[in-house]
Each structure stands twice: as C-alpha cells, then as structure tokens.
Amino acid sequence: MSGLAQAAGVTPKFVYSIVNGFAGSLNEGHLNALTNNPNVAARP
C-alpha cells in the first residue's frame, strides 16, 4: 500500500510505483489529510 494512502487512511484501488502515487475514493477527511501533507506534490 502507498505510504501516503496509508497515512491518510485511504484504501487505494490502484497503486502506481512509477510515479509513486495511488488512485482511490476519498472522503472529505482523506482529501483534507492529503491536501495538508507536505509530501504530496499534486493538489486538487
């Protein structure tokens, strides 16, 4: 599982090792955690 996904409490549908990312459904809490994580490069 992606470290970022796990830290945000997200269960990813797909994990991408090439770009070190994941895809999954996010609720508002997940989105908030990821948006405020300094290790996340992409923002909504």
Protein backbone atom coordinates (compact mmCIF):
# COMPACT_ATOMS: atom_id res chain seq x y z
CA MET A 1 0.00 0.00 0.00
CA SER A 2 1.17 3.53 -0.68
CA GLY A 3 2.63 5.22 2.40
CA LEU A 4 0.65 8.38 1.67
CA ALA A 5 -2.59 6.44 1.21
CA GLN A 6 -1.99 4.56 4.46
CA ALA A 7 -1.18 7.80 6.33
CA ALA A 8 -4.46 9.33 5.09
CA GLY A 9 -6.46 6.19 5.91
CA VAL A 10 -7.26 5.52 2.25
CA THR A 11 -7.54 2.04 0.73
CA PRO A 12 -6.24 2.54 -2.82
CA LYS A 13 -7.88 0.92 -5.84
CA PHE A 14 -4.60 1.18 -7.78
CA VAL A 15 -1.00 1.89 -6.67
CA TYR A 16 1.49 3.36 -9.15
CA SER A 17 5.16 2.68 -8.42
CA ILE A 18 6.48 4.59 -11.44
CA VAL A 19 5.09 7.91 -10.20
CA ASN A 20 4.82 6.92 -6.51
CA GLY A 21 1.09 7.50 -6.31
CA PHE A 22 -2.29 5.90 -5.92
CA ALA A 23 -5.91 6.19 -7.06
CA GLY A 24 -8.92 5.68 -4.82
CA SER A 25 -12.12 7.15 -3.46
CA LEU A 26 -11.56 9.95 -0.97
CA ASN A 27 -13.92 11.35 1.60
CA GLU A 28 -13.56 14.90 2.92
CA GLY A 29 -11.23 13.79 5.74
CA HIS A 30 -8.94 11.91 3.35
CA LEU A 31 -8.82 14.88 0.99
CA ASN A 32 -8.03 17.21 3.88
CA ALA A 33 -5.21 14.96 5.13
CA LEU A 34 -3.64 14.68 1.69
CA THR A 35 -4.06 18.35 0.82
CA ASN A 36 -2.23 19.34 4.00
CA ASN A 37 0.52 16.73 3.65
CA PRO A 38 3.82 18.35 2.59
CA ASN A 39 4.85 15.09 0.85
CA VAL A 40 2.00 15.41 -1.67
CA ALA A 41 3.04 17.21 -4.86
CA ALA A 42 -0.34 17.32 -6.64
CA ARG A 43 -3.20 19.25 -5.14
CA PRO A 44 -6.89 19.27 -6.16
